[in-house]
Amino acid sequence: MANNILFNLLRTLSKNIFPLITFMYAARVLGEDGIGKFSFSKSIITWFTLLAMLGMDNYGVREAAKRRDDRRELSRFSQEMLLINLVSTLFSYALLIVALCLIPKFHDYQTLLLINSVAIFMQGMGMEWLYQALEKYRYLALRSFAFQGIALVAMFVFVRTADDVIPYMIVYLVATSGPFLLNFWNARRWISFRRLDAYQFRKHLRPLLWLFAMVLSAEMYTVLDTAMLGFLQNDAAVGRYTAAVKITRVVNTVIFSLSMALIPRLSYYVGRGEKEKVKEVVNKAYNYVFMLSVPAAVGLFVLSKEILRLFSGSGFLSANLTMQILTITVIVIPFSVSTNQQTLIPLGEEKRSVAATVVGAITNFICNMVFIPRLAECGAAIGTVVAEVCVAMVSFYNASRFFNMKRIFRVYFQYWLAALPIPLIAWLAGHVFEYDFMYVTLVILASIPAYFGVLYLLKNEFLLVALRQASQKGTSLFARKKKP
C-alpha cells in the first residue's frame, strides 16, 4: 500500500512538473506566437478527447476494480469499454473533420490539430483506468518517467528555433500519449483480447454519460479560456496567457493534491456514520488548504514578474498583470476543489458538485465574451477569476448544508495576518539582491519561518496540533531507538 501511494504521488508530480520544465525551454525558443499556436491547438483537441472518453477514466477504474479477481469478467468489461470507446472516438473524429472544414479559424492550425488529434485515439487505447484499478502504480510511474526522459532529450535536439512548433507538438505527444502504446501491449498480461459472447453495452451507457457530464462540466472552463482567447484574439495573447496560467495551475494542483490523502479516511468515516470524525477530517482538510493557499497567493502576487522571467523568459514579462490577476484563483480554486472532491463527493452529493462547475462554466463563457475582446489575456484572467469565485460561493453554500462553515472560517483571518510579512520581506530583499533566482529563493526561504512564526504567535490551533503530533512522533521514534 505504501509503495502504491508513493509511486502514484510520483506519477502525479511528474504529470505536472514535466510540462512546466518543457515550457521553461519552449517558451524561450518558440516565443509568444509559438506557444500560443501550441496551446490553442491543444485546447481544441481537449474537447474532442473528452467526447471520445465519455467519462471512461472514472467509470473504468470503479468497475474494473470490482472484477479484478475474475480474468474472464475483467476481459469482458475491458473489451466492452474498448468497443464503446472505439465508437465514441470515431464520432469524435467525424466532428473534428467537420469542424476543420467549416470553421475558418481552424484552417491555419490544420497541421497542428491533425497531429495533436493522435491523442484522441491513444487516450482510449491506453486503458489507463485498467492499470489504476489493478493498482499498477509502479509500472505507471516508471513508464511515464521513461517516456518523459525520451521526450526531454528529443526536445533539446529538435526544438531549436521559433518555427519548431510542430516538432514541439510531436515531442509533447511522445511524452503524454506514447505510454498508451505500452499500456495496450502489456494489457495482455491481465486481460484477454479474444472475442467473448454476450456483451452488455447498454448497462454502461447511462453511468458513462453521467460521469461524462461531470467531467465535461469540470473541464469546460479550464480549457474554455484558452480556446476563446484564440478565437477572439491572436496567438501572442494565447502565449502570454499560457505563461501566466500554467504557473498558477501548478501551484493550485500541488496545494489540493497534498490534502487529497484525507479522502479515503473521510469516506471511511462517512460509511461508518461517525459524524464527529467526519467534521474533524473536513476541518483538517480546509485548514490545510487555507494554510497553504494564502501565502502562496501573496507570494505569487509579489514575485510574479521574477517568476515569469525565471520560467518563461523576459519575452513574457508583459503577462505580469495577467498572472497577478490569476493569483486570486490560488485562494479560491483549492477551496472549491476541497469542497467538491473531498467533501461533497464522499458524502454522495455529486450532483451539487456538478451544479457548481456548471455555474462556473456559464459564468466563464459570459465573462470571456465581454472582457476578452477588450482586454485580451487580462480579460481571460478576469473571466477565470469571476467564474472561480462563483464556483467557490456555490461550493460554500453547498458545504454549509452539512457543516458549520462559519466555524471553519473563524481562523481564516489568521492566515492573512501571518502572510503580511511576505511583501515586506520581498521589498527588503530587493535592496540586497538583483531581481533574479537568488532574490526569489531568499524571499521564499525567509517568508516560510516568518509566516509560521506569526501563526505560532497567534496560537493557530491547527498549527499547534500539528506541532504537538510531530513532537510526539519524534519522541516515540527516539524512545524506540534507545531500546536495546
Protein backbone atom coordinates (compact mmCIF):
# COMPACT_ATOMS: atom_id res chain seq x y z
CA MET A 1 0.00 0.00 0.00
CA ALA A 2 2.78 2.44 0.92
CA ASN A 3 4.59 1.75 -2.36
CA ASN A 4 1.38 2.36 -4.32
CA ILE A 5 0.87 5.72 -2.61
CA LEU A 6 4.49 6.68 -3.24
CA PHE A 7 4.50 5.76 -6.93
CA ASN A 8 1.09 7.34 -7.50
CA LEU A 9 2.38 10.54 -5.91
CA LEU A 10 5.47 10.47 -8.13
CA ARG A 11 3.31 9.91 -11.21
CA THR A 12 1.06 12.81 -10.27
CA LEU A 13 4.00 15.11 -9.66
CA SER A 14 5.64 14.14 -12.96
CA LYS A 15 2.42 14.95 -14.86
CA ASN A 16 2.61 18.49 -13.52
CA ILE A 17 6.35 19.11 -13.32
CA PHE A 18 7.31 17.77 -16.77
CA PRO A 19 5.07 20.25 -18.68
CA LEU A 20 6.48 23.07 -16.57
CA ILE A 21 10.09 22.06 -17.29
CA THR A 22 9.49 21.74 -21.03
CA PHE A 23 7.59 25.03 -21.03
CA MET A 24 10.57 26.83 -19.48
CA TYR A 25 12.67 25.83 -22.50
CA ALA A 26 9.99 26.02 -25.20
CA ALA A 27 8.80 29.47 -24.14
CA ARG A 28 12.26 30.90 -24.70
CA VAL A 29 12.66 29.19 -28.08
CA LEU A 30 9.17 29.45 -29.58
CA GLY A 31 8.17 32.81 -28.13
CA GLU A 32 4.64 34.11 -27.57
CA ASP A 33 3.31 33.18 -31.01
CA GLY A 34 4.69 29.64 -31.00
CA ILE A 35 3.42 28.87 -27.50
CA GLY A 36 0.10 30.42 -28.46
CA LYS A 37 -0.28 28.17 -31.51
CA PHE A 38 0.58 25.09 -29.47
CA SER A 39 -1.73 25.97 -26.56
CA PHE A 40 -4.68 26.90 -28.76
CA SER A 41 -4.41 23.65 -30.77
CA LYS A 42 -4.08 21.61 -27.60
CA SER A 43 -7.13 23.26 -26.01
CA ILE A 44 -9.28 22.49 -29.07
CA ILE A 45 -8.26 18.81 -29.18
CA THR A 46 -9.00 18.53 -25.45
CA TRP A 47 -12.71 18.95 -26.22
CA PHE A 48 -12.70 16.11 -28.74
CA THR A 49 -10.69 13.89 -26.38
CA LEU A 50 -13.25 14.45 -23.61
CA LEU A 51 -16.02 13.44 -26.01
CA ALA A 52 -14.16 10.31 -27.07
CA MET A 53 -13.50 9.21 -23.48
CA LEU A 54 -17.11 9.75 -22.24
CA GLY A 55 -16.03 9.81 -18.59
CA MET A 56 -14.46 6.37 -19.05
CA ASP A 57 -11.46 7.07 -16.82
CA ASN A 58 -13.55 7.36 -13.66
CA TYR A 59 -16.07 4.67 -14.56
CA GLY A 60 -13.40 2.25 -15.75
CA VAL A 61 -11.43 2.41 -12.50
CA ARG A 62 -14.52 1.84 -10.38
CA GLU A 63 -15.96 -1.05 -12.39
CA ALA A 64 -12.71 -2.78 -13.33
CA ALA A 65 -11.71 -2.86 -9.65
CA LYS A 66 -14.85 -4.89 -8.91
CA ARG A 67 -13.81 -7.50 -11.49
CA ARG A 68 -10.08 -7.58 -10.89
CA ASP A 69 -10.10 -11.10 -9.39
CA ASP A 70 -12.02 -12.63 -12.32
CA ARG A 71 -9.91 -12.57 -15.51
CA ARG A 72 -12.83 -13.51 -17.76
CA GLU A 73 -15.17 -10.82 -16.40
CA LEU A 74 -12.38 -8.25 -16.38
CA SER A 75 -11.63 -9.13 -20.00
CA ARG A 76 -15.29 -8.86 -20.94
CA PHE A 77 -15.62 -5.45 -19.27
CA SER A 78 -12.39 -4.18 -20.82
CA GLN A 79 -13.49 -5.26 -24.30
CA GLU A 80 -16.86 -3.56 -23.79
CA MET A 81 -15.11 -0.34 -22.78
CA LEU A 82 -12.75 -0.53 -25.77
CA LEU A 83 -15.61 -1.08 -28.21
CA ILE A 84 -17.67 1.76 -26.73
CA ASN A 85 -14.60 3.96 -26.87
CA LEU A 86 -14.00 2.98 -30.49
CA VAL A 87 -17.47 4.21 -31.45
CA SER A 88 -17.17 7.45 -29.46
CA THR A 89 -13.68 8.03 -30.90
CA LEU A 90 -14.91 7.64 -34.48
CA PHE A 91 -17.74 10.04 -33.72
CA SER A 92 -15.26 12.49 -32.20
CA TYR A 93 -13.01 12.31 -35.26
CA ALA A 94 -16.02 12.84 -37.54
CA LEU A 95 -16.90 16.01 -35.65
CA LEU A 96 -13.27 17.16 -35.82
CA ILE A 97 -13.19 16.74 -39.60
CA VAL A 98 -16.44 18.71 -39.92
CA ALA A 99 -15.02 21.44 -37.67
CA LEU A 100 -11.82 21.63 -39.74
CA CYS A 101 -13.89 22.09 -42.88
CA LEU A 102 -16.45 24.55 -41.56
CA ILE A 103 -14.59 26.75 -39.04
CA PRO A 104 -12.30 29.25 -40.82
CA LYS A 105 -10.20 29.81 -37.69
CA PHE A 106 -9.01 26.19 -37.84
CA HIS A 107 -7.62 26.46 -41.38
CA ASP A 108 -4.34 27.99 -40.18
CA TYR A 109 -3.99 25.29 -37.50
CA GLN A 110 -4.90 22.20 -39.53
CA THR A 111 -1.48 20.56 -39.32
CA LEU A 112 -1.16 21.11 -35.58
CA LEU A 113 -4.72 19.97 -34.92
CA LEU A 114 -4.33 16.81 -37.00
CA ILE A 115 -1.02 15.91 -35.33
CA ASN A 116 -2.43 16.54 -31.88
CA SER A 117 -5.57 14.56 -32.73
CA VAL A 118 -3.48 11.39 -32.31
CA ALA A 119 -4.14 11.91 -28.59
CA ILE A 120 -7.87 11.29 -29.13
CA PHE A 121 -7.25 7.70 -30.25
CA MET A 122 -4.31 6.99 -27.96
CA GLN A 123 -6.09 8.05 -24.78
CA GLY A 124 -8.79 5.42 -25.14
CA MET A 125 -6.46 2.69 -26.36
CA GLY A 126 -4.16 3.28 -23.39
CA MET A 127 -6.72 1.96 -20.86
CA GLU A 128 -5.16 3.92 -18.03
CA TRP A 129 -8.21 3.02 -15.93
CA LEU A 130 -7.33 -0.70 -16.10
CA TYR A 131 -3.88 -0.18 -14.58
CA GLN A 132 -5.24 2.08 -11.86
CA ALA A 133 -7.92 -0.48 -10.99
CA LEU A 134 -5.22 -3.15 -10.74
CA GLU A 135 -3.06 -0.73 -8.67
CA LYS A 136 -0.11 -0.98 -11.05
CA TYR A 137 1.18 2.41 -9.92
CA ARG A 138 4.83 1.41 -10.02
CA TYR A 139 4.51 0.46 -13.67
CA LEU A 140 2.59 3.66 -14.48
CA ALA A 141 5.17 5.84 -12.77
CA LEU A 142 8.26 4.19 -14.29
CA ARG A 143 6.65 4.11 -17.73
CA SER A 144 5.86 7.84 -17.53
CA PHE A 145 9.40 8.69 -16.40
CA ALA A 146 10.87 6.73 -19.32
CA PHE A 147 8.79 8.45 -22.00
CA GLN A 148 9.24 11.86 -20.41
CA GLY A 149 13.00 11.34 -20.38
CA ILE A 150 12.98 10.42 -24.09
CA ALA A 151 10.78 13.43 -24.87
CA LEU A 152 13.02 15.78 -22.89
CA VAL A 153 16.11 14.74 -24.86
CA ALA A 154 14.18 14.95 -28.14
CA MET A 155 13.01 18.45 -27.31
CA PHE A 156 16.56 19.76 -26.90
CA VAL A 157 17.56 18.07 -30.17
CA PHE A 158 14.61 19.00 -32.42
CA VAL A 159 13.16 22.20 -30.92
CA ARG A 160 15.79 24.81 -31.71
CA THR A 161 14.07 27.76 -33.44
CA ALA A 162 10.82 29.73 -33.24
CA ASP A 163 9.49 27.75 -36.22
CA ASP A 164 9.73 24.38 -34.46
CA VAL A 165 6.16 24.34 -33.16
CA ILE A 166 5.35 21.07 -34.94
CA PRO A 167 8.42 19.23 -33.53
CA TYR A 168 7.43 20.53 -30.08
CA MET A 169 3.91 19.19 -30.55
CA ILE A 170 5.30 15.78 -31.56
CA VAL A 171 7.66 15.72 -28.58
CA TYR A 172 4.74 16.57 -26.29
CA LEU A 173 2.72 13.70 -27.78
CA VAL A 174 5.62 11.29 -27.21
CA ALA A 175 5.62 12.18 -23.53
CA THR A 176 1.86 12.17 -22.97
CA SER A 177 0.47 9.65 -25.48
CA GLY A 178 3.48 7.40 -26.08
CA PRO A 179 2.96 5.46 -22.82
CA PHE A 180 -0.51 4.41 -24.01
CA LEU A 181 1.05 2.20 -26.69
CA LEU A 182 2.93 0.33 -23.99
CA ASN A 183 -0.27 0.07 -21.94
CA PHE A 184 -2.17 -1.61 -24.75
CA TRP A 185 0.64 -4.09 -25.41
CA ASN A 186 1.09 -5.04 -21.75
CA ALA A 187 -2.65 -5.36 -21.08
CA ARG A 188 -2.47 -8.95 -22.37
CA ARG A 189 -0.90 -9.93 -19.05
CA TRP A 190 -4.17 -9.26 -17.21
CA ILE A 191 -6.93 -9.48 -19.82
CA SER A 192 -7.69 -11.45 -22.96
CA PHE A 193 -8.49 -9.81 -26.29
CA ARG A 194 -10.16 -12.98 -27.57
CA ARG A 195 -13.76 -12.33 -28.56
CA LEU A 196 -16.32 -13.16 -25.88
CA ASP A 197 -20.09 -13.63 -26.11
CA ALA A 198 -22.97 -11.66 -24.61
CA TYR A 199 -21.52 -8.18 -24.47
CA GLN A 200 -23.66 -5.82 -22.41
CA PHE A 201 -23.10 -2.31 -23.67
CA ARG A 202 -26.41 -0.76 -22.65
CA LYS A 203 -25.88 -1.04 -18.89
CA HIS A 204 -22.69 1.03 -19.15
CA LEU A 205 -24.12 3.90 -21.19
CA ARG A 206 -26.13 5.70 -18.50
CA PRO A 207 -23.37 5.86 -15.85
CA LEU A 208 -20.84 6.73 -18.54
CA LEU A 209 -22.92 9.64 -19.79
CA TRP A 210 -23.50 10.88 -16.24
CA LEU A 211 -19.78 10.80 -15.46
CA PHE A 212 -19.10 12.42 -18.84
CA ALA A 213 -21.35 15.30 -17.79
CA MET A 214 -19.38 15.63 -14.56
CA VAL A 215 -16.01 15.59 -16.32
CA LEU A 216 -17.18 17.94 -19.07
CA SER A 217 -18.56 20.49 -16.61
CA ALA A 218 -15.37 20.34 -14.55
CA GLU A 219 -13.01 20.59 -17.52
CA MET A 220 -15.07 23.04 -19.56
CA TYR A 221 -13.87 26.28 -18.10
CA THR A 222 -10.29 25.10 -17.59
CA VAL A 223 -9.79 25.00 -21.37
CA LEU A 224 -12.57 27.38 -22.41
CA ASP A 225 -10.50 30.48 -21.65
CA THR A 226 -7.61 29.42 -23.90
CA ALA A 227 -9.90 28.37 -26.75
CA MET A 228 -11.95 31.58 -26.63
CA LEU A 229 -8.82 33.71 -26.36
CA GLY A 230 -7.53 32.05 -29.52
CA PHE A 231 -10.77 32.77 -31.37
CA LEU A 232 -11.22 36.34 -30.16
CA GLN A 233 -7.60 37.50 -30.10
CA ASN A 234 -4.31 36.10 -31.50
CA ASP A 235 -1.53 33.59 -30.87
CA ALA A 236 0.59 36.07 -28.90
CA ALA A 237 -2.26 36.70 -26.45
CA VAL A 238 -2.73 32.94 -26.00
CA GLY A 239 1.01 32.56 -25.42
CA ARG A 240 1.09 35.25 -22.74
CA TYR A 241 -1.97 33.82 -21.04
CA THR A 242 -0.50 30.30 -21.12
CA ALA A 243 2.66 31.53 -19.40
CA ALA A 244 0.65 33.15 -16.62
CA VAL A 245 -1.95 30.43 -16.11
CA LYS A 246 0.48 27.49 -16.23
CA ILE A 247 2.32 28.65 -13.11
CA THR A 248 -0.81 29.30 -11.06
CA ARG A 249 -2.34 25.97 -12.11
CA VAL A 250 0.73 24.05 -10.97
CA VAL A 251 0.58 25.79 -7.58
CA ASN A 252 -3.15 25.01 -7.30
CA THR A 253 -2.55 21.36 -8.16
CA VAL A 254 0.18 20.98 -5.55
CA ILE A 255 -1.97 22.59 -2.84
CA PHE A 256 -5.07 20.44 -3.21
CA SER A 257 -3.04 17.29 -4.04
CA LEU A 258 -1.48 17.44 -0.58
CA SER A 259 -4.89 17.26 1.09
CA MET A 260 -6.25 14.56 -1.25
CA ALA A 261 -4.78 11.92 1.06
CA LEU A 262 -7.60 12.69 3.51
CA ILE A 263 -10.33 11.47 1.12
CA PRO A 264 -10.09 7.72 1.97
CA ARG A 265 -10.33 8.44 5.69
CA LEU A 266 -13.25 10.81 5.17
CA SER A 267 -15.07 8.21 3.05
CA TYR A 268 -14.39 5.60 5.75
CA TYR A 269 -15.93 7.74 8.49
CA VAL A 270 -18.91 8.62 6.28
CA GLY A 271 -19.54 4.92 5.68
CA ARG A 272 -19.44 4.22 9.43
CA GLY A 273 -21.71 7.16 10.23
CA GLU A 274 -19.13 8.77 12.56
CA LYS A 275 -20.27 12.37 12.16
CA GLU A 276 -17.83 13.90 14.62
CA LYS A 277 -14.89 12.21 12.91
CA VAL A 278 -16.18 13.45 9.55
CA LYS A 279 -16.30 17.02 10.87
CA GLU A 280 -12.77 16.65 12.26
CA VAL A 281 -11.34 15.46 8.94
CA VAL A 282 -13.21 18.14 6.96
CA ASN A 283 -11.89 20.83 9.30
CA LYS A 284 -8.37 19.47 8.84
CA ALA A 285 -8.73 19.46 5.05
CA TYR A 286 -9.87 23.07 4.93
CA ASN A 287 -7.10 24.19 7.26
CA TYR A 288 -4.51 22.50 5.04
CA VAL A 289 -5.91 24.44 2.10
CA PHE A 290 -6.11 27.77 3.93
CA MET A 291 -2.63 27.45 5.42
CA LEU A 292 -1.01 26.79 2.05
CA SER A 293 -3.14 28.83 -0.39
CA VAL A 294 -2.98 32.23 1.34
CA PRO A 295 0.84 32.58 1.50
CA ALA A 296 1.16 31.01 -1.96
CA ALA A 297 -1.21 33.61 -3.43
CA VAL A 298 0.54 36.50 -1.70
CA GLY A 299 3.97 35.21 -2.70
CA LEU A 300 2.97 34.72 -6.35
CA PHE A 301 1.49 38.23 -6.50
CA VAL A 302 4.60 39.84 -5.05
CA LEU A 303 7.07 37.75 -7.11
CA SER A 304 5.01 37.46 -10.31
CA LYS A 305 7.44 39.34 -12.56
CA GLU A 306 10.50 37.47 -11.31
CA ILE A 307 8.75 34.08 -11.52
CA LEU A 308 7.63 34.81 -15.08
CA ARG A 309 11.18 35.76 -16.01
CA LEU A 310 12.58 32.55 -14.48
CA PHE A 311 10.04 30.16 -16.00
CA SER A 312 9.21 31.84 -19.30
CA GLY A 313 11.98 34.30 -20.09
CA SER A 314 11.94 38.07 -20.46
CA GLY A 315 9.76 37.84 -23.57
CA PHE A 316 6.72 37.05 -21.41
CA LEU A 317 7.03 39.84 -18.84
CA SER A 318 4.04 41.57 -20.41
CA ALA A 319 1.94 38.78 -18.85
CA ASN A 320 2.75 40.11 -15.39
CA LEU A 321 -0.62 41.79 -14.80
CA THR A 322 -2.43 38.68 -16.10
CA MET A 323 -0.57 36.50 -13.64
CA GLN A 324 -1.26 38.88 -10.75
CA ILE A 325 -4.98 38.72 -11.54
CA LEU A 326 -4.81 34.91 -11.66
CA THR A 327 -3.20 34.70 -8.21
CA ILE A 328 -6.72 35.17 -6.83
CA THR A 329 -7.50 31.68 -8.16
CA VAL A 330 -4.82 30.26 -5.84
CA ILE A 331 -7.11 31.25 -2.98
CA VAL A 332 -10.46 30.11 -4.37
CA ILE A 333 -9.69 27.04 -6.53
CA PRO A 334 -8.17 24.87 -3.76
CA PHE A 335 -11.17 25.74 -1.58
CA SER A 336 -13.63 24.76 -4.33
CA VAL A 337 -11.79 21.52 -5.12
CA SER A 338 -11.55 20.67 -1.43
CA THR A 339 -15.29 21.23 -1.05
CA ASN A 340 -16.40 19.36 -4.16
CA GLN A 341 -13.95 16.46 -4.34
CA GLN A 342 -13.00 16.00 -0.70
CA THR A 343 -16.30 16.82 1.00
CA LEU A 344 -19.38 16.55 -1.23
CA ILE A 345 -18.40 13.52 -3.34
CA PRO A 346 -17.51 11.30 -0.32
CA LEU A 347 -20.92 12.33 1.08
CA GLY A 348 -22.59 11.14 -2.15
CA GLU A 349 -23.50 14.68 -3.26
CA GLU A 350 -22.04 14.55 -6.79
CA LYS A 351 -24.98 16.49 -8.26
CA ARG A 352 -24.13 19.51 -6.12
CA SER A 353 -20.56 19.38 -7.40
CA VAL A 354 -21.78 19.30 -10.99
CA ALA A 355 -24.08 22.26 -10.31
CA ALA A 356 -21.16 24.32 -9.02
CA THR A 357 -18.97 23.58 -12.05
CA VAL A 358 -21.84 24.30 -14.47
CA VAL A 359 -22.29 27.71 -12.85
CA GLY A 360 -18.57 28.31 -13.31
CA ALA A 361 -18.61 27.27 -16.97
CA ILE A 362 -21.57 29.53 -17.83
CA THR A 363 -20.07 32.47 -15.94
CA ASN A 364 -16.70 31.97 -17.58
CA PHE A 365 -18.22 31.93 -21.08
CA ILE A 366 -20.20 35.14 -20.49
CA CYS A 367 -17.24 36.96 -18.92
CA ASN A 368 -14.92 35.86 -21.71
CA MET A 369 -17.31 37.20 -24.34
CA VAL A 370 -17.40 40.55 -22.54
CA PHE A 371 -13.77 41.00 -21.45
CA ILE A 372 -11.53 39.19 -23.97
CA PRO A 373 -12.35 41.45 -26.96
CA ARG A 374 -11.48 44.50 -24.84
CA LEU A 375 -8.69 43.28 -22.56
CA ALA A 376 -7.22 40.22 -24.36
CA GLU A 377 -5.37 37.89 -21.95
CA CYS A 378 -6.21 40.10 -18.95
CA GLY A 379 -9.88 39.71 -19.92
CA ALA A 380 -9.49 35.92 -19.95
CA ALA A 381 -7.89 36.12 -16.49
CA ILE A 382 -10.76 38.25 -15.19
CA GLY A 383 -13.26 35.77 -16.61
CA THR A 384 -11.46 32.89 -14.93
CA VAL A 385 -11.34 34.68 -11.58
CA VAL A 386 -15.02 35.66 -11.66
CA ALA A 387 -16.00 32.10 -12.62
CA GLU A 388 -13.88 30.56 -9.87
CA VAL A 389 -15.29 32.95 -7.27
CA CYS A 390 -18.81 31.94 -8.33
CA VAL A 391 -17.88 28.25 -8.03
CA ALA A 392 -16.41 28.91 -4.58
CA MET A 393 -19.59 30.70 -3.47
CA VAL A 394 -21.82 27.85 -4.67
CA SER A 395 -19.46 25.35 -3.05
CA PHE A 396 -19.58 27.29 0.23
CA TYR A 397 -23.38 27.23 0.14
CA ASN A 398 -23.43 23.50 -0.62
CA ALA A 399 -20.97 22.67 2.16
CA SER A 400 -22.83 24.86 4.68
CA ARG A 401 -25.78 22.48 4.36
CA PHE A 402 -23.67 19.79 6.02
CA PHE A 403 -21.04 21.63 8.07
CA ASN A 404 -20.72 24.79 10.15
CA MET A 405 -18.64 26.74 7.63
CA LYS A 406 -18.59 29.90 9.77
CA ARG A 407 -16.81 27.94 12.47
CA ILE A 408 -14.35 26.54 9.94
CA PHE A 409 -13.63 30.04 8.61
CA ARG A 410 -13.23 31.66 12.02
CA VAL A 411 -9.42 31.31 11.92
CA TYR A 412 -9.14 32.26 8.24
CA PHE A 413 -8.04 35.82 9.06
CA GLN A 414 -5.05 34.42 10.97
CA TYR A 415 -3.53 33.10 7.74
CA TRP A 416 -3.84 36.54 6.14
CA LEU A 417 -2.23 38.22 9.15
CA ALA A 418 0.60 35.69 9.03
CA ALA A 419 1.14 36.43 5.30
CA LEU A 420 1.56 40.19 5.84
CA PRO A 421 5.37 39.97 6.32
CA ILE A 422 5.85 38.46 2.85
CA PRO A 423 5.59 41.76 0.87
CA LEU A 424 7.90 43.41 3.41
CA ILE A 425 10.46 40.62 3.05
CA ALA A 426 10.28 40.95 -0.75
CA TRP A 427 10.84 44.72 -0.51
CA LEU A 428 13.84 44.33 1.81
CA ALA A 429 15.35 41.55 -0.33
CA GLY A 430 15.10 43.81 -3.37
CA HIS A 431 17.61 46.15 -1.73
CA VAL A 432 20.12 43.31 -1.29
CA PHE A 433 19.85 41.17 -4.44
CA GLU A 434 19.09 41.74 -8.07
CA TYR A 435 15.64 40.56 -9.14
CA ASP A 436 16.77 37.07 -10.16
CA PHE A 437 16.84 33.47 -8.93
CA MET A 438 18.71 34.37 -5.73
CA TYR A 439 16.14 37.06 -4.96
CA VAL A 440 13.21 34.67 -5.36
CA THR A 441 14.97 31.99 -3.31
CA LEU A 442 15.77 34.40 -0.49
CA VAL A 443 12.20 35.70 -0.33
CA ILE A 444 10.77 32.18 -0.18
CA LEU A 445 13.26 30.93 2.43
CA ALA A 446 12.75 33.99 4.64
CA SER A 447 8.96 34.02 4.25
CA ILE A 448 8.39 30.43 5.41
CA PRO A 449 9.67 30.85 9.01
CA ALA A 450 8.13 34.34 9.20
CA TYR A 451 4.73 33.04 8.16
CA PHE A 452 4.66 30.07 10.52
CA GLY A 453 6.24 32.16 13.27
CA VAL A 454 3.34 34.62 13.16
CA LEU A 455 0.85 31.73 13.13
CA TYR A 456 2.57 30.35 16.22
CA LEU A 457 2.35 33.72 17.98
CA LEU A 458 -1.33 33.90 17.06
CA LYS A 459 -1.72 30.44 18.63
CA ASN A 460 -3.20 28.96 15.49
CA GLU A 461 -4.93 25.82 16.71
CA PHE A 462 -4.25 23.76 13.61
CA LEU A 463 -0.52 24.54 13.64
CA LEU A 464 -0.20 23.84 17.36
CA VAL A 465 -1.91 20.46 16.98
CA ALA A 466 0.34 19.57 14.04
CA LEU A 467 3.47 20.55 16.02
CA ARG A 468 2.28 18.58 19.04
CA GLN A 469 1.68 15.46 16.95
CA ALA A 470 5.06 15.80 15.24
CA SER A 471 6.74 16.17 18.62
CA GLN A 472 5.00 13.08 19.98
CA LYS A 473 6.01 11.02 16.95
CA GLY A 474 9.59 12.23 17.26
CA THR A 475 9.71 11.37 20.94
CA SER A 476 8.22 7.93 20.28
CA LEU A 477 10.74 7.24 17.50
CA PHE A 478 13.64 8.34 19.70
CA ALA A 479 12.43 6.10 22.55
CA ARG A 480 12.25 3.07 20.24
CA LYS A 481 15.79 3.69 19.02
CA LYS A 482 17.11 3.80 22.59
CA LYS A 483 15.72 0.37 23.39
CA PRO A 484 18.42 -2.37 23.21
